[in-house]
């Protein structure tokens, strides 16, 4: 399966990356844009394939991640970072361009995610322990 790369000729350059573990990542770009991206948002939009993703009617659905946290972030070359989440997901590499894409489209992406969960009667909250 091929993944879309979020690279554009005129993409702004990343100027700052802050990890506010365990809750969020803050990124700033050369064009002045700055984004605060929650751990939940980054987890559900991980660029990696995940064995715990449910496929319902051909749609990728990740639920129950409202309490997920970020344990650490590791630089990958000069183009991105690997984020290690406390649910042990660690295979996604977030490029600087992908961070910009997520930040620029954050509200629409989150709205679409919530609609998808409602459509399939799933929750952002993790399942309750018995």
N, C-alpha and C. Protein backbone atom coordinates (compact mmCIF):
# COMPACT_ATOMS: atom_id res chain seq x y z
N UNK A 1 0.84 -1.17 0.00
CA UNK A 1 0.00 0.00 0.00
C UNK A 1 0.90 1.24 0.00
N UNK A 2 0.60 2.20 -0.83
CA UNK A 2 1.39 3.43 -0.91
C UNK A 2 0.72 4.51 -0.08
N UNK A 3 1.53 5.25 0.62
CA UNK A 3 1.03 6.35 1.43
C UNK A 3 1.34 7.66 0.73
N UNK A 4 0.44 8.59 0.83
CA UNK A 4 0.65 9.91 0.23
C UNK A 4 1.71 10.67 1.02
N UNK A 5 2.65 11.24 0.33
CA UNK A 5 3.66 12.06 0.97
C UNK A 5 3.17 13.49 0.99
N UNK A 6 3.39 14.17 2.09
CA UNK A 6 2.94 15.55 2.23
C UNK A 6 4.12 16.48 2.00
N UNK A 7 4.55 16.52 0.77
CA UNK A 7 5.67 17.39 0.42
C UNK A 7 5.21 18.33 -0.67
N UNK A 8 5.53 19.57 -0.49
CA UNK A 8 5.21 20.55 -1.51
C UNK A 8 6.43 21.41 -1.75
N UNK A 9 6.52 21.97 -2.93
CA UNK A 9 7.67 22.79 -3.28
C UNK A 9 7.79 24.00 -2.36
N UNK A 10 6.66 24.59 -2.01
CA UNK A 10 6.69 25.79 -1.19
C UNK A 10 6.27 25.54 0.26
N UNK A 11 6.51 24.31 0.75
CA UNK A 11 6.18 24.01 2.15
C UNK A 11 7.08 24.84 3.07
N UNK A 12 6.51 25.37 4.14
CA UNK A 12 7.34 26.15 5.07
C UNK A 12 8.34 25.25 5.80
N UNK A 13 9.42 25.82 6.20
CA UNK A 13 10.47 25.10 6.91
C UNK A 13 10.12 25.06 8.40
N UNK A 14 10.32 23.91 9.04
CA UNK A 14 10.11 23.79 10.47
C UNK A 14 11.17 24.61 11.20
N UNK A 15 10.75 25.42 12.15
CA UNK A 15 11.71 26.23 12.91
C UNK A 15 11.80 25.80 14.36
N UNK A 16 10.71 25.23 14.91
CA UNK A 16 10.73 24.78 16.31
C UNK A 16 9.88 23.53 16.47
N UNK A 17 10.37 22.64 17.31
CA UNK A 17 9.65 21.42 17.67
C UNK A 17 9.73 21.27 19.18
N UNK A 18 8.58 21.24 19.85
CA UNK A 18 8.54 21.08 21.29
C UNK A 18 7.70 19.85 21.63
N UNK A 19 8.26 18.97 22.44
CA UNK A 19 7.50 17.83 22.95
C UNK A 19 7.07 18.17 24.36
N UNK A 20 5.76 18.28 24.56
CA UNK A 20 5.20 18.53 25.89
C UNK A 20 4.60 17.21 26.36
N UNK A 21 5.48 16.25 26.65
CA UNK A 21 5.04 14.91 27.04
C UNK A 21 4.27 14.99 28.36
N UNK A 22 3.23 14.23 28.53
CA UNK A 22 2.73 13.22 27.60
C UNK A 22 1.58 13.70 26.71
N UNK A 23 1.25 14.98 26.74
CA UNK A 23 0.00 15.44 26.15
C UNK A 23 0.04 15.94 24.71
N UNK A 24 1.14 16.59 24.28
CA UNK A 24 1.08 17.20 22.95
C UNK A 24 2.46 17.51 22.38
N UNK A 25 2.43 17.88 21.12
CA UNK A 25 3.61 18.37 20.40
C UNK A 25 3.25 19.75 19.87
N UNK A 26 4.19 20.66 19.98
CA UNK A 26 4.00 22.01 19.44
C UNK A 26 5.04 22.21 18.35
N UNK A 27 4.59 22.65 17.18
CA UNK A 27 5.50 22.89 16.06
C UNK A 27 5.29 24.30 15.53
N UNK A 28 6.38 24.91 15.09
CA UNK A 28 6.32 26.24 14.48
C UNK A 28 7.07 26.19 13.16
N UNK A 29 6.59 26.99 12.19
CA UNK A 29 7.15 26.99 10.85
C UNK A 29 7.60 28.38 10.43
N UNK A 30 8.45 28.41 9.40
CA UNK A 30 9.05 29.66 8.93
C UNK A 30 8.03 30.68 8.42
N UNK A 31 6.84 30.23 8.06
CA UNK A 31 5.82 31.16 7.59
C UNK A 31 5.01 31.76 8.74
N UNK A 32 5.41 31.45 9.98
CA UNK A 32 4.71 31.99 11.15
C UNK A 32 3.62 31.09 11.70
N UNK A 33 3.27 30.03 10.99
CA UNK A 33 2.22 29.15 11.50
C UNK A 33 2.77 28.32 12.66
N UNK A 34 1.92 28.10 13.65
CA UNK A 34 2.28 27.30 14.81
C UNK A 34 1.08 26.43 15.17
N UNK A 35 1.35 25.20 15.56
CA UNK A 35 0.28 24.26 15.85
C UNK A 35 0.59 23.49 17.13
N UNK A 36 -0.45 23.27 17.92
CA UNK A 36 -0.38 22.43 19.10
C UNK A 36 -1.19 21.19 18.76
N UNK A 37 -0.53 20.04 18.66
CA UNK A 37 -1.18 18.81 18.23
C UNK A 37 -1.21 17.81 19.38
N UNK A 38 -2.41 17.41 19.78
CA UNK A 38 -2.56 16.52 20.93
C UNK A 38 -2.05 15.12 20.62
N UNK A 39 -1.72 14.39 21.68
CA UNK A 39 -1.27 13.01 21.54
C UNK A 39 -2.35 12.17 20.86
N UNK A 40 -3.59 12.35 21.26
CA UNK A 40 -4.69 11.59 20.63
C UNK A 40 -4.74 11.87 19.13
N UNK A 41 -4.69 13.13 18.74
CA UNK A 41 -4.77 13.51 17.33
C UNK A 41 -3.61 12.90 16.55
N UNK A 42 -2.39 13.00 17.09
CA UNK A 42 -1.23 12.43 16.41
C UNK A 42 -1.32 10.91 16.31
N UNK A 43 -1.86 10.28 17.35
CA UNK A 43 -1.98 8.82 17.34
C UNK A 43 -2.97 8.35 16.29
N UNK A 44 -4.13 9.00 16.21
CA UNK A 44 -5.14 8.53 15.26
C UNK A 44 -4.76 8.85 13.82
N UNK A 45 -3.91 9.85 13.62
CA UNK A 45 -3.45 10.17 12.27
C UNK A 45 -1.99 9.75 12.06
N UNK A 46 -1.59 8.69 12.75
CA UNK A 46 -0.24 8.17 12.57
C UNK A 46 -0.04 7.76 11.12
N UNK A 47 1.11 8.11 10.54
CA UNK A 47 1.37 7.74 9.15
C UNK A 47 1.73 6.27 8.96
N UNK A 48 1.75 5.47 10.02
CA UNK A 48 2.12 4.06 9.93
C UNK A 48 0.90 3.16 9.93
N UNK A 49 1.07 1.99 9.35
CA UNK A 49 0.03 0.97 9.44
C UNK A 49 0.07 0.43 10.87
N UNK A 50 -1.08 0.09 11.40
CA UNK A 50 -1.15 -0.36 12.78
C UNK A 50 -2.02 -1.60 12.86
N UNK A 51 -1.52 -2.63 13.50
CA UNK A 51 -2.27 -3.87 13.64
C UNK A 51 -3.52 -3.73 14.48
N UNK A 52 -3.63 -2.66 15.28
CA UNK A 52 -4.80 -2.49 16.13
C UNK A 52 -5.87 -1.63 15.49
N UNK A 53 -5.70 -1.29 14.24
CA UNK A 53 -6.69 -0.49 13.53
C UNK A 53 -7.81 -1.42 13.06
N UNK A 54 -9.03 -1.00 13.29
CA UNK A 54 -10.17 -1.76 12.81
C UNK A 54 -10.54 -1.26 11.43
N UNK A 55 -10.81 -2.18 10.54
CA UNK A 55 -11.31 -1.80 9.22
C UNK A 55 -12.79 -2.14 9.20
N UNK A 56 -13.61 -1.11 9.11
CA UNK A 56 -15.05 -1.29 9.10
C UNK A 56 -15.56 -0.74 7.78
N UNK A 57 -16.10 -1.62 6.97
CA UNK A 57 -16.61 -1.19 5.67
C UNK A 57 -15.54 -0.52 4.82
N UNK A 58 -14.30 -0.98 4.95
CA UNK A 58 -13.20 -0.41 4.17
C UNK A 58 -12.63 0.88 4.73
N UNK A 59 -13.15 1.34 5.87
CA UNK A 59 -12.66 2.57 6.49
C UNK A 59 -11.71 2.24 7.64
N UNK A 60 -10.59 2.96 7.72
CA UNK A 60 -9.63 2.80 8.81
C UNK A 60 -10.21 3.51 10.04
N UNK A 61 -10.41 2.77 11.12
CA UNK A 61 -11.01 3.35 12.32
C UNK A 61 -10.13 3.01 13.53
N UNK A 62 -9.65 4.03 14.21
CA UNK A 62 -8.91 3.87 15.45
C UNK A 62 -9.77 4.52 16.53
N UNK A 63 -10.14 3.74 17.53
CA UNK A 63 -10.98 4.28 18.60
C UNK A 63 -10.28 4.12 19.94
N UNK A 64 -10.86 4.73 20.97
CA UNK A 64 -10.39 4.56 22.33
C UNK A 64 -9.02 5.15 22.63
N UNK A 65 -8.65 6.24 21.97
CA UNK A 65 -7.31 6.79 22.19
C UNK A 65 -7.32 8.16 22.88
N UNK A 66 -8.41 8.54 23.51
CA UNK A 66 -8.48 9.87 24.13
C UNK A 66 -7.48 10.05 25.27
N UNK A 67 -7.07 8.95 25.90
CA UNK A 67 -6.15 9.03 27.04
C UNK A 67 -4.71 8.67 26.68
N UNK A 68 -4.44 8.43 25.40
CA UNK A 68 -3.08 8.05 25.00
C UNK A 68 -2.11 9.19 25.29
N UNK A 69 -0.89 8.83 25.61
CA UNK A 69 0.14 9.83 25.88
C UNK A 69 1.37 9.57 25.02
N UNK A 70 2.23 10.56 24.98
CA UNK A 70 3.48 10.45 24.25
C UNK A 70 4.58 10.20 25.27
N UNK A 71 5.34 9.12 25.06
CA UNK A 71 6.45 8.81 25.96
C UNK A 71 7.73 9.51 25.53
N UNK A 72 7.97 9.55 24.21
CA UNK A 72 9.18 10.20 23.72
C UNK A 72 9.07 10.44 22.22
N UNK A 73 10.05 11.18 21.71
CA UNK A 73 10.15 11.46 20.28
C UNK A 73 11.61 11.33 19.89
N UNK A 74 11.87 10.65 18.78
CA UNK A 74 13.24 10.44 18.32
C UNK A 74 13.41 11.05 16.94
N UNK A 75 14.44 11.86 16.74
CA UNK A 75 14.67 12.44 15.41
C UNK A 75 14.96 11.35 14.38
N UNK A 76 14.48 11.56 13.16
CA UNK A 76 14.75 10.67 12.05
C UNK A 76 15.35 11.53 10.93
N UNK A 77 16.64 11.39 10.75
CA UNK A 77 17.32 12.22 9.76
C UNK A 77 17.07 13.69 10.04
N UNK A 78 16.98 14.47 8.97
CA UNK A 78 16.68 15.90 9.14
C UNK A 78 15.30 16.24 8.60
N UNK A 79 14.43 15.22 8.52
CA UNK A 79 13.12 15.44 7.91
C UNK A 79 11.94 15.10 8.80
N UNK A 80 12.16 14.51 9.98
CA UNK A 80 11.01 14.13 10.77
C UNK A 80 11.36 13.55 12.13
N UNK A 81 10.36 12.92 12.73
CA UNK A 81 10.49 12.39 14.08
C UNK A 81 9.61 11.14 14.21
N UNK A 82 10.09 10.19 15.00
CA UNK A 82 9.30 9.01 15.35
C UNK A 82 8.75 9.27 16.75
N UNK A 83 7.45 9.14 16.90
CA UNK A 83 6.81 9.36 18.20
C UNK A 83 6.48 8.01 18.82
N UNK A 84 6.86 7.84 20.08
CA UNK A 84 6.55 6.62 20.80
C UNK A 84 5.43 6.95 21.79
N UNK A 85 4.30 6.26 21.60
CA UNK A 85 3.11 6.48 22.41
C UNK A 85 3.05 5.47 23.54
N UNK A 86 2.31 5.78 24.59
CA UNK A 86 2.23 4.87 25.73
C UNK A 86 1.34 3.65 25.48
N UNK A 87 0.70 3.58 24.30
CA UNK A 87 0.02 2.34 23.93
C UNK A 87 0.97 1.45 23.12
N UNK A 88 2.26 1.84 23.12
CA UNK A 88 3.38 1.14 22.48
C UNK A 88 3.41 1.25 20.96
N UNK A 89 2.60 2.12 20.40
CA UNK A 89 2.69 2.39 18.97
C UNK A 89 3.93 3.25 18.73
N UNK A 90 4.78 2.82 17.79
CA UNK A 90 6.02 3.56 17.56
C UNK A 90 6.54 3.44 16.13
N UNK A 91 5.72 3.02 15.20
CA UNK A 91 6.21 2.79 13.85
C UNK A 91 5.98 3.94 12.88
N UNK A 92 5.30 4.97 13.30
CA UNK A 92 5.04 6.09 12.39
C UNK A 92 6.15 7.12 12.41
N UNK A 93 6.57 7.56 11.24
CA UNK A 93 7.52 8.65 11.13
C UNK A 93 6.77 9.87 10.61
N UNK A 94 6.76 10.91 11.43
CA UNK A 94 6.05 12.14 11.10
C UNK A 94 7.04 13.10 10.46
N UNK A 95 6.87 13.36 9.18
CA UNK A 95 7.76 14.34 8.52
C UNK A 95 7.31 15.74 8.91
N UNK A 96 8.21 16.70 8.71
CA UNK A 96 7.85 18.09 9.03
C UNK A 96 6.68 18.54 8.16
N UNK A 97 6.67 18.11 6.89
CA UNK A 97 5.56 18.46 6.01
C UNK A 97 4.24 17.86 6.51
N UNK A 98 4.32 16.63 7.04
CA UNK A 98 3.11 15.99 7.55
C UNK A 98 2.59 16.72 8.78
N UNK A 99 3.49 17.18 9.67
CA UNK A 99 3.07 18.00 10.81
C UNK A 99 2.34 19.25 10.31
N UNK A 100 2.88 19.88 9.28
CA UNK A 100 2.24 21.08 8.74
C UNK A 100 0.86 20.75 8.18
N UNK A 101 0.76 19.65 7.44
CA UNK A 101 -0.53 19.20 6.91
C UNK A 101 -1.54 18.97 8.04
N UNK A 102 -1.11 18.25 9.09
CA UNK A 102 -2.00 17.96 10.21
C UNK A 102 -2.45 19.25 10.90
N UNK A 103 -1.50 20.16 11.13
CA UNK A 103 -1.84 21.40 11.80
C UNK A 103 -2.78 22.27 10.99
N UNK A 104 -2.50 22.38 9.71
CA UNK A 104 -3.32 23.20 8.82
C UNK A 104 -4.75 22.67 8.71
N UNK A 105 -4.90 21.35 8.79
CA UNK A 105 -6.21 20.72 8.59
C UNK A 105 -6.78 20.11 9.87
N UNK A 106 -6.25 20.52 11.01
CA UNK A 106 -6.58 19.90 12.29
C UNK A 106 -8.08 19.85 12.58
N UNK A 107 -8.75 20.95 12.43
CA UNK A 107 -10.16 20.99 12.82
C UNK A 107 -11.03 20.12 11.91
N UNK A 108 -10.80 20.17 10.60
CA UNK A 108 -11.56 19.32 9.68
C UNK A 108 -11.25 17.85 9.91
N UNK A 109 -9.97 17.52 10.11
CA UNK A 109 -9.60 16.13 10.35
C UNK A 109 -10.25 15.60 11.62
N UNK A 110 -10.23 16.39 12.69
CA UNK A 110 -10.83 15.94 13.95
C UNK A 110 -12.35 15.81 13.83
N UNK A 111 -12.97 16.76 13.15
CA UNK A 111 -14.42 16.69 12.94
C UNK A 111 -14.79 15.43 12.16
N UNK A 112 -14.03 15.13 11.11
CA UNK A 112 -14.29 13.93 10.31
C UNK A 112 -14.08 12.67 11.13
N UNK A 113 -13.06 12.67 12.00
CA UNK A 113 -12.79 11.53 12.86
C UNK A 113 -13.96 11.28 13.81
N UNK A 114 -14.46 12.33 14.43
CA UNK A 114 -15.58 12.18 15.37
C UNK A 114 -16.83 11.68 14.64
N UNK A 115 -17.06 12.18 13.44
CA UNK A 115 -18.20 11.70 12.64
C UNK A 115 -18.05 10.22 12.32
N UNK A 116 -16.84 9.80 11.98
CA UNK A 116 -16.58 8.39 11.67
C UNK A 116 -16.84 7.50 12.88
N UNK A 117 -16.39 7.96 14.06
CA UNK A 117 -16.65 7.18 15.27
C UNK A 117 -18.14 7.06 15.54
N UNK A 118 -18.87 8.17 15.40
CA UNK A 118 -20.32 8.14 15.63
C UNK A 118 -21.00 7.20 14.64
N UNK A 119 -20.57 7.26 13.39
CA UNK A 119 -21.15 6.41 12.35
C UNK A 119 -21.03 4.93 12.71
N UNK A 120 -19.92 4.55 13.32
CA UNK A 120 -19.68 3.15 13.66
C UNK A 120 -19.92 2.84 15.14
N UNK A 121 -20.55 3.80 15.84
CA UNK A 121 -20.89 3.65 17.26
C UNK A 121 -19.68 3.28 18.11
N UNK A 122 -18.60 4.00 17.88
CA UNK A 122 -17.37 3.82 18.64
C UNK A 122 -17.12 5.07 19.46
N UNK A 123 -16.16 4.99 20.38
CA UNK A 123 -15.89 6.09 21.28
C UNK A 123 -14.42 6.49 21.25
N UNK A 124 -14.16 7.74 21.55
CA UNK A 124 -12.79 8.22 21.72
C UNK A 124 -12.20 7.67 23.02
N UNK A 125 -13.06 7.37 23.98
CA UNK A 125 -12.61 6.87 25.28
C UNK A 125 -12.20 5.41 25.20
N UNK A 126 -11.18 5.03 25.98
CA UNK A 126 -10.77 3.62 26.00
C UNK A 126 -11.85 2.77 26.65
N UNK A 127 -11.87 1.48 26.31
CA UNK A 127 -12.87 0.61 26.94
C UNK A 127 -12.66 0.54 28.45
N UNK A 128 -13.75 0.43 29.17
CA UNK A 128 -13.66 0.33 30.64
C UNK A 128 -13.14 -1.04 31.03
N UNK A 129 -12.26 -1.04 32.03
CA UNK A 129 -11.73 -2.31 32.54
C UNK A 129 -12.77 -2.98 33.42
N UNK A 130 -12.79 -4.29 33.36
CA UNK A 130 -13.76 -5.06 34.16
C UNK A 130 -13.17 -5.42 35.50
